[in-house]
C-alpha atoms as a PDB file:
ATOM      1  CA  MET A   1      -0.944   6.311 -14.407  1.00  0.00           C
ATOM      2  CA  GLY A   2      -2.423   4.939 -10.737  1.00  0.00           C
ATOM      3  CA  LYS A   3      -0.428   5.354  -7.917  1.00  0.00           C
ATOM      4  CA  LEU A   4       0.229   2.231  -4.950  1.00  0.00           C
ATOM      5  CA  PHE A   5      -0.541   3.147  -1.515  1.00  0.00           C
ATOM      6  CA  LEU A   6       1.031   1.207   1.126  1.00  0.00           C
ATOM      7  CA  VAL A   7      -1.584   1.556   4.283  1.00  0.00           C
ATOM      8  CA  PRO A   8      -0.602  -0.022   7.386  1.00  0.00           C
ATOM      9  CA  THR A   9      -2.967  -1.575   9.789  1.00  0.00           C
ATOM     10  CA  PRO A  10      -3.803  -2.186  13.545  1.00  0.00           C
ATOM     11  CA  ILE A  11      -1.320  -4.576  14.955  1.00  0.00           C
ATOM     12  CA  GLY A  12      -4.221  -5.430  17.268  1.00  0.00           C
ATOM     13  CA  ASN A  13      -7.075  -2.629  18.617  1.00  0.00           C
ATOM     14  CA  LEU A  14      -8.604  -1.908  15.621  1.00  0.00           C
ATOM     15  CA  GLU A  15      -9.114   1.786  16.607  1.00  0.00           C
ATOM     16  CA  ASP A  16      -5.098   2.313  15.894  1.00  0.00           C
ATOM     17  CA  ILE A  17      -5.995   2.541  12.350  1.00  0.00           C
ATOM     18  CA  THR A  18      -6.126   6.389  11.180  1.00  0.00           C
ATOM     19  CA  TYR A  19      -8.615   8.534   9.323  1.00  0.00           C
ATOM     20  CA  ARG A  20      -6.566   8.940   6.291  1.00  0.00           C
ATOM     21  CA  ALA A  21      -6.071   5.107   5.665  1.00  0.00           C
ATOM     22  CA  LEU A  22      -9.810   4.163   6.254  1.00  0.00           C
ATOM     23  CA  THR A  23     -10.351   7.501   3.239  1.00  0.00           C
ATOM     24  CA  VAL A  24      -7.306   6.092   0.923  1.00  0.00           C
ATOM     25  CA  LEU A  25      -8.788   2.142   1.344  1.00  0.00           C
ATOM     26  CA  LYS A  26     -12.402   2.951   0.535  1.00  0.00           C
ATOM     27  CA  GLU A  27     -11.191   5.049  -2.479  1.00  0.00           C
ATOM     28  CA  ALA A  28      -8.920   2.626  -4.005  1.00  0.00           C
ATOM     29  CA  ASP A  29     -10.045   0.908  -7.252  1.00  0.00           C
ATOM     30  CA  PHE A  30      -8.568  -2.552  -5.723  1.00  0.00           C
ATOM     31  CA  ILE A  31      -7.023  -3.694  -2.428  1.00  0.00           C
ATOM     32  CA  LEU A  32      -4.109  -6.224  -2.515  1.00  0.00           C
ATOM     33  CA  ALA A  33      -4.283  -8.320   1.107  1.00  0.00           C
ATOM     34  CA  GLU A  34      -1.818 -10.755   2.548  1.00  0.00           C
ATOM     35  CA  ASP A  35      -4.811 -13.007   3.646  1.00  0.00           C
ATOM     36  CA  THR A  36      -8.218 -11.997   2.396  1.00  0.00           C
ATOM     37  CA  ARG A  37     -10.164 -13.273   4.998  1.00  0.00           C
ATOM     38  CA  LYS A  38      -8.210 -11.194   7.847  1.00  0.00           C
ATOM     39  CA  SER A  39      -8.396  -7.966   5.685  1.00  0.00           C
ATOM     40  CA  GLY A  40     -11.996  -8.683   4.794  1.00  0.00           C
ATOM     41  CA  ASN A  41     -12.878  -8.882   8.736  1.00  0.00           C
ATOM     42  CA  LEU A  42     -11.323  -5.291   8.700  1.00  0.00           C
ATOM     43  CA  LEU A  43     -12.871  -4.226   5.790  1.00  0.00           C
ATOM     44  CA  LYS A  44     -16.414  -5.405   7.239  1.00  0.00           C
ATOM     45  CA  HIS A  45     -15.690  -3.949  10.412  1.00  0.00           C
ATOM     46  CA  PHE A  46     -15.458   0.303   8.773  1.00  0.00           C
ATOM     47  CA  ASN A  47     -17.990  -0.588   5.855  1.00  0.00           C
ATOM     48  CA  ILE A  48     -15.633  -1.172   3.417  1.00  0.00           C
ATOM     49  CA  ASP A  49     -16.926  -2.758   0.083  1.00  0.00           C
ATOM     50  CA  VAL A  50     -13.833  -2.937  -2.304  1.00  0.00           C
ATOM     51  CA  LYS A  51     -12.670  -5.766  -4.496  1.00  0.00           C
ATOM     52  CA  MET A  52      -9.626  -7.725  -2.654  1.00  0.00           C
ATOM     53  CA  PHE A  53      -7.264  -9.428  -4.011  1.00  0.00           C
ATOM     54  CA  SER A  54      -4.052 -11.828  -2.530  1.00  0.00           C
ATOM     55  CA  HIS A  55      -1.087 -10.693  -2.469  1.00  0.00           C
ATOM     56  CA  HIS A  56       1.427 -12.896  -0.444  1.00  0.00           C
ATOM     57  CA  LYS A  57       4.521 -14.431  -0.365  1.00  0.00           C
ATOM     58  CA  PHE A  58       3.333 -17.588  -2.267  1.00  0.00           C
ATOM     59  CA  ASN A  59       2.386 -15.627  -5.254  1.00  0.00           C
ATOM     60  CA  GLU A  60       3.688 -12.409  -5.175  1.00  0.00           C
ATOM     61  CA  HIS A  61       5.528 -13.408  -8.006  1.00  0.00           C
ATOM     62  CA  ALA A  62       3.219 -14.426 -10.622  1.00  0.00           C
ATOM     63  CA  THR A  63       0.748 -11.453  -9.886  1.00  0.00           C
ATOM     64  CA  VAL A  64       3.215  -8.552  -9.614  1.00  0.00           C
ATOM     65  CA  GLU A  65       3.615  -7.822 -13.422  1.00  0.00           C
ATOM     66  CA  LYS A  66      -0.695  -7.565 -13.545  1.00  0.00           C
ATOM     67  CA  VAL A  67      -0.687  -5.591 -10.431  1.00  0.00           C
ATOM     68  CA  ILE A  68       1.852  -3.105 -12.733  1.00  0.00           C
ATOM     69  CA  ASN A  69      -0.364  -3.633 -15.923  1.00  0.00           C
ATOM     70  CA  ARG A  70      -3.921  -2.058 -13.749  1.00  0.00           C
ATOM     71  CA  LEU A  71      -1.658   0.974 -12.288  1.00  0.00           C
ATOM     72  CA  ASN A  72      -0.502   1.693 -15.498  1.00  0.00           C
ATOM     73  CA  ALA A  73      -3.954   1.447 -16.970  1.00  0.00           C
ATOM     74  CA  GLY A  74      -5.147   4.419 -14.143  1.00  0.00           C
ATOM     75  CA  GLU A  75      -6.253   2.400 -11.315  1.00  0.00           C
ATOM     76  CA  ASN A  76      -5.145   3.102  -7.988  1.00  0.00           C
ATOM     77  CA  ALA A  77      -4.422   0.145  -5.165  1.00  0.00           C
ATOM     78  CA  ALA A  78      -3.721   0.105  -1.245  1.00  0.00           C
ATOM     79  CA  LEU A  79      -1.603  -3.016  -0.133  1.00  0.00           C
ATOM     80  CA  VAL A  80      -2.278  -4.418   3.283  1.00  0.00           C
ATOM     81  CA  THR A  81      -0.975  -7.138   5.515  1.00  0.00           C
ATOM     82  CA  ASP A  82      -2.332  -9.089   8.172  1.00  0.00           C
ATOM     83  CA  ALA A  83      -0.859  -6.437  10.503  1.00  0.00           C
ATOM     84  CA  GLY A  84       1.478  -3.616  10.798  1.00  0.00           C
ATOM     85  CA  THR A  85       3.225  -1.534   8.141  1.00  0.00           C
ATOM     86  CA  PRO A  86       3.518  -3.115   4.562  1.00  0.00           C
ATOM     87  CA  ALA A  87       6.842  -4.794   3.413  1.00  0.00           C
ATOM     88  CA  ILE A  88       8.223  -4.546   7.292  1.00  0.00           C
ATOM     89  CA  SER A  89       8.595  -8.513   7.501  1.00  0.00           C
ATOM     90  CA  ASP A  90       5.272  -9.046   5.324  1.00  0.00           C
ATOM     91  CA  PRO A  91       5.142  -8.865   1.859  1.00  0.00           C
ATOM     92  CA  GLY A  92       5.221  -5.915   0.199  1.00  0.00           C
ATOM     93  CA  TYR A  93       8.913  -4.938  -1.120  1.00  0.00           C
ATOM     94  CA  LEU A  94       8.930  -6.748  -4.151  1.00  0.00           C
ATOM     95  CA  VAL A  95       5.719  -4.942  -5.709  1.00  0.00           C
ATOM     96  CA  VAL A  96       7.363  -1.860  -4.592  1.00  0.00           C
ATOM     97  CA  LYS A  97      10.674  -1.982  -6.459  1.00  0.00           C
ATOM     98  CA  HIS A  98       8.535  -3.005  -9.619  1.00  0.00           C
ATOM     99  CA  CYS A  99       6.147  -0.017  -9.456  1.00  0.00           C
ATOM    100  CA  ILE A 100       9.405   2.087  -8.843  1.00  0.00           C
ATOM    101  CA  ASP A 101      11.048   0.246 -11.701  1.00  0.00           C
ATOM    102  CA  ALA A 102       7.931   0.710 -13.798  1.00  0.00           C
ATOM    103  CA  GLY A 103       7.906   4.603 -12.559  1.00  0.00           C
ATOM    104  CA  VAL A 104       4.555   4.235 -10.902  1.00  0.00           C
ATOM    105  CA  GLU A 105       4.033   6.528  -7.915  1.00  0.00           C
ATOM    106  CA  VAL A 106       4.458   4.660  -4.574  1.00  0.00           C
ATOM    107  CA  GLU A 107       3.111   6.309  -1.540  1.00  0.00           C
ATOM    108  CA  CYS A 108       3.474   4.747   1.920  1.00  0.00           C
ATOM    109  CA  LEU A 109       1.025   5.933   5.012  1.00  0.00           C
ATOM    110  CA  PRO A 110       2.326   6.183   8.265  1.00  0.00           C
ATOM    111  CA  GLY A 111       1.035   3.802  10.707  1.00  0.00           C
ATOM    112  CA  ALA A 112       1.264   0.824  13.210  1.00  0.00           C
ATOM    113  CA  THR A 113       4.288  -0.802  13.486  1.00  0.00           C
ATOM    114  CA  ALA A 114       4.871  -3.449  16.123  1.00  0.00           C
ATOM    115  CA  PHE A 115       8.901  -2.839  17.058  1.00  0.00           C
ATOM    116  CA  VAL A 116       8.403   0.614  17.592  1.00  0.00           C
ATOM    117  CA  PRO A 117       6.114   0.219  21.121  1.00  0.00           C
ATOM    118  CA  ALA A 118       8.038  -2.816  21.917  1.00  0.00           C
ATOM    119  CA  LEU A 119      11.464  -0.623  21.695  1.00  0.00           C
ATOM    120  CA  VAL A 120      10.023   2.158  23.438  1.00  0.00           C
ATOM    121  CA  VAL A 121       8.555   0.735  26.305  1.00  0.00           C
ATOM    122  CA  SER A 122      12.260  -1.511  26.426  1.00  0.00           C
ATOM    123  CA  GLY A 123      13.429   0.455  28.851  1.00  0.00           C
ATOM    124  CA  LEU A 124      16.390   0.251  26.788  1.00  0.00           C
ATOM    125  CA  PRO A 125      18.510   2.596  25.008  1.00  0.00           C
ATOM    126  CA  ASN A 126      16.684   3.682  21.764  1.00  0.00           C
ATOM    127  CA  GLU A 127      18.610   6.180  20.471  1.00  0.00           C
ATOM    128  CA  ARG A 128      20.398   3.967  17.743  1.00  0.00           C
ATOM    129  CA  PHE A 129      19.154   0.147  17.165  1.00  0.00           C
ATOM    130  CA  CYS A 130      18.974  -2.133  14.598  1.00  0.00           C
ATOM    131  CA  PHE A 131      16.027  -4.154  12.952  1.00  0.00           C
ATOM    132  CA  GLU A 132      16.593  -7.729  12.524  1.00  0.00           C
ATOM    133  CA  GLY A 133      12.897  -9.261  11.839  1.00  0.00           C
ATOM    134  CA  PHE A 134      12.769 -12.752  11.659  1.00  0.00           C
ATOM    135  CA  LEU A 135      16.066 -15.212  12.396  1.00  0.00           C
ATOM    136  CA  PRO A 136      16.425 -18.420   9.920  1.00  0.00           C
ATOM    137  CA  GLN A 137      14.536 -20.835  11.265  1.00  0.00           C
ATOM    138  CA  LYS A 138      17.168 -23.181  10.376  1.00  0.00           C
ATOM    139  CA  LYS A 139      19.936 -22.448   7.932  1.00  0.00           C
ATOM    140  CA  GLY A 140      21.783 -19.514   8.346  1.00  0.00           C
ATOM    141  CA  ARG A 141      20.633 -19.031  12.116  1.00  0.00           C
ATOM    142  CA  GLN A 142      23.326 -19.537  13.716  1.00  0.00           C
ATOM    143  CA  LYS A 143      25.586 -17.530  11.256  1.00  0.00           C
ATOM    144  CA  ARG A 144      22.778 -14.614  11.898  1.00  0.00           C
ATOM    145  CA  LEU A 145      22.957 -14.985  16.016  1.00  0.00           C
ATOM    146  CA  ASP A 146      27.214 -14.902  15.713  1.00  0.00           C
ATOM    147  CA  GLY A 147      27.179 -11.559  13.794  1.00  0.00           C
ATOM    148  CA  LEU A 148      24.958  -9.943  16.655  1.00  0.00           C
ATOM    149  CA  VAL A 149      27.311 -10.889  19.255  1.00  0.00           C
ATOM    150  CA  GLU A 150      29.559  -7.698  18.958  1.00  0.00           C
ATOM    151  CA  GLU A 151      26.447  -5.493  18.282  1.00  0.00           C
ATOM    152  CA  THR A 152      26.414  -2.304  20.433  1.00  0.00           C
ATOM    153  CA  ARG A 153      22.879  -0.650  19.148  1.00  0.00           C
ATOM    154  CA  THR A 154      19.872  -2.573  20.584  1.00  0.00           C
ATOM    155  CA  MET A 155      18.607  -5.250  18.822  1.00  0.00           C
ATOM    156  CA  ILE A 156      14.724  -6.009  17.622  1.00  0.00           C
ATOM    157  CA  LEU A 157      13.732  -9.485  16.840  1.00  0.00           C
ATOM    158  CA  TYR A 158      10.126 -10.840  15.495  1.00  0.00           C
ATOM    159  CA  GLU A 159       9.585 -14.200  17.067  1.00  0.00           C
ATOM    160  CA  SER A 160       6.751 -16.741  17.377  1.00  0.00           C
ATOM    161  CA  PRO A 161       5.563 -18.305  20.423  1.00  0.00           C
ATOM    162  CA  TYR A 162       6.523 -21.520  19.587  1.00  0.00           C
ATOM    163  CA  ARG A 163      10.289 -20.307  19.118  1.00  0.00           C
ATOM    164  CA  LEU A 164      10.323 -18.082  22.059  1.00  0.00           C
ATOM    165  CA  VAL A 165      12.126 -19.493  24.868  1.00  0.00           C
ATOM    166  CA  LYS A 166      14.693 -21.399  22.360  1.00  0.00           C
ATOM    167  CA  THR A 167      15.184 -18.044  20.753  1.00  0.00           C
ATOM    168  CA  LEU A 168      16.016 -16.507  24.409  1.00  0.00           C
ATOM    169  CA  LYS A 169      18.552 -19.356  25.315  1.00  0.00           C
ATOM    170  CA  GLN A 170      20.276 -18.763  22.259  1.00  0.00           C
ATOM    171  CA  LEU A 171      20.793 -15.478  22.720  1.00  0.00           C
ATOM    172  CA  ALA A 172      21.767 -15.668  26.175  1.00  0.00           C
ATOM    173  CA  GLU A 173      24.374 -18.391  25.335  1.00  0.00           C
ATOM    174  CA  LYS A 174      25.794 -16.039  22.516  1.00  0.00           C
ATOM    175  CA  MET A 175      25.268 -12.868  24.771  1.00  0.00           C
ATOM    176  CA  GLY A 176      25.557 -13.649  27.719  1.00  0.00           C
ATOM    177  CA  ALA A 177      22.268 -14.715  30.798  1.00  0.00           C
ATOM    178  CA  ASP A 178      22.690 -11.473  32.179  1.00  0.00           C
ATOM    179  CA  ARG A 179      22.402  -9.169  29.100  1.00  0.00           C
ATOM    180  CA  GLN A 180      19.218  -6.996  29.535  1.00  0.00           C
ATOM    181  CA  ALA A 181      16.453  -7.570  27.101  1.00  0.00           C
ATOM    182  CA  SER A 182      12.482  -7.166  27.064  1.00  0.00           C
ATOM    183  CA  VAL A 183       9.502  -9.044  25.424  1.00  0.00           C
ATOM    184  CA  SER A 184       6.581  -7.876  24.266  1.00  0.00           C
ATOM    185  CA  ARG A 185       3.361  -9.541  23.086  1.00  0.00           C
ATOM    186  CA  GLU A 186       0.346  -8.839  21.961  1.00  0.00           C
ATOM    187  CA  ILE A 187       0.820  -5.359  21.959  1.00  0.00           C
ATOM    188  CA  SER A 188      -2.119  -2.887  21.715  1.00  0.00           C
ATOM    189  CA  LYS A 189      -4.455  -6.099  22.727  1.00  0.00           C
ATOM    190  CA  LEU A 190      -6.790  -6.675  25.696  1.00  0.00           C
ATOM    191  CA  HIS A 191      -3.684  -8.866  26.873  1.00  0.00           C
ATOM    192  CA  GLU A 192      -0.694  -6.989  26.227  1.00  0.00           C
ATOM    193  CA  GLU A 193       2.340  -7.803  28.250  1.00  0.00           C
ATOM    194  CA  ASN A 194       5.869  -6.353  28.240  1.00  0.00           C
ATOM    195  CA  LYS A 195       8.498  -8.336  30.415  1.00  0.00           C
ATOM    196  CA  ARG A 196      11.695  -7.104  31.283  1.00  0.00           C
ATOM    197  CA  GLY A 197      14.995  -8.449  32.601  1.00  0.00           C
ATOM    198  CA  THR A 198      17.997 -10.508  31.717  1.00  0.00           C
ATOM    199  CA  LEU A 199      17.612 -12.844  29.086  1.00  0.00           C
ATOM    200  CA  GLU A 200      18.148 -15.632  31.161  1.00  0.00           C
ATOM    201  CA  GLU A 201      15.116 -14.455  33.572  1.00  0.00           C
ATOM    202  CA  LEU A 202      13.075 -14.358  30.611  1.00  0.00           C
ATOM    203  CA  ALA A 203      13.850 -17.540  29.466  1.00  0.00           C
ATOM    204  CA  GLU A 204      12.574 -18.826  32.535  1.00  0.00           C
ATOM    205  CA  TYR A 205       9.610 -16.715  32.596  1.00  0.00           C
ATOM    206  CA  PHE A 206       8.512 -18.040  29.729  1.00  0.00           C
ATOM    207  CA  GLY A 207       9.198 -21.257  29.525  1.00  0.00           C
ATOM    208  CA  SER A 208       6.984 -21.816  32.811  1.00  0.00           C
ATOM    209  CA  LYS A 209       3.877 -20.584  30.896  1.00  0.00           C
ATOM    210  CA  THR A 210       2.196 -20.942  27.703  1.00  0.00           C
ATOM    211  CA  VAL A 211       2.736 -18.229  24.971  1.00  0.00           C
ATOM    212  CA  LYS A 212       0.224 -16.974  22.574  1.00  0.00           C
ATOM    213  CA  GLY A 213       0.661 -13.928  20.306  1.00  0.00           C
ATOM    214  CA  GLU A 214       3.050 -12.063  17.974  1.00  0.00           C
ATOM    215  CA  ILE A 215       6.482 -11.731  19.828  1.00  0.00           C
ATOM    216  CA  VAL A 216       8.781  -8.617  20.096  1.00  0.00           C
ATOM    217  CA  ILE A 217      12.332  -9.223  21.255  1.00  0.00           C
ATOM    218  CA  VAL A 218      14.147  -6.481  22.101  1.00  0.00           C
ATOM    219  CA  VAL A 219      17.910  -7.000  23.303  1.00  0.00           C
ATOM    220  CA  ALA A 220      20.512  -4.449  24.494  1.00  0.00           C
ATOM    221  CA  GLY A 221      23.399  -4.132  22.559  1.00  0.00           C
ATOM    222  CA  LYS A 222      26.838  -4.961  24.051  1.00  0.00           C
ATOM    223  CA  LYS A 223      28.027  -2.152  26.516  1.00  0.00           C
ATOM    224  CA  THR A 224      31.747  -0.141  25.077  1.00  0.00           C
ATOM    225  CA  GLY A 225      33.846   1.312  26.935  1.00  0.00           C
ATOM    226  CA  LYS A 226      32.231   4.563  27.408  1.00  0.00           C
ATOM    227  CA  SER A 227      28.022   4.994  27.330  1.00  0.00           C
ATOM    228  CA  GLU A 228      26.810   7.956  25.576  1.00  0.00           C
ATOM    229  CA  SER A 229      26.031   9.793  28.811  1.00  0.00           C
ATOM    230  CA  ASP A 230      29.698   9.782  29.600  1.00  0.00           C
ATOM    231  CA  LYS A 231      30.864  11.079  26.299  1.00  0.00           C
END
């Protein structure tokens, strides 16, 4: 029986890929890629010539059984997404679940995930935190925001540059304009930016400029009676 490897890929700087990830990609019988064009550029950069197949949220339900059959036949597969660790706000959960249900071994390599460096450089408490991924764009958005109002842990959200200011303003309305937060974009890339301040300050700052790149928002949790240092 074959094995499914989840292989994290760089979120920006290609040098962040690990030697082990390159070895797994080179030795895989086939690679499942969220976008074969983007992954193709990565493979070409490292001179890797392995057959790729599309595996994304629009076709994964239709293709997962074929993947399981190939793994059951003894082939090894590597799953990659456009950037970061598969299944973290990206395709991966479904095929992993089906593999586990079918008794196929699954292994996830350690590697890049955007929210970790964003949390660390935010300067906000990180001994406890919650990862919320992308907020719903429409249906369920307000309910999700309402559910975070009483959250005492540091919160991490992903957002697109087109909705960044809107989200910051909504967070300020729900949690208070003076709530401390941090916005990280283009992590590990040439124009990486980490901006810290209140939600109101961040909304004003990013509202006055053109924003590009992938965004991570880190928001301080609601203050309780005692801080961790007081206990």
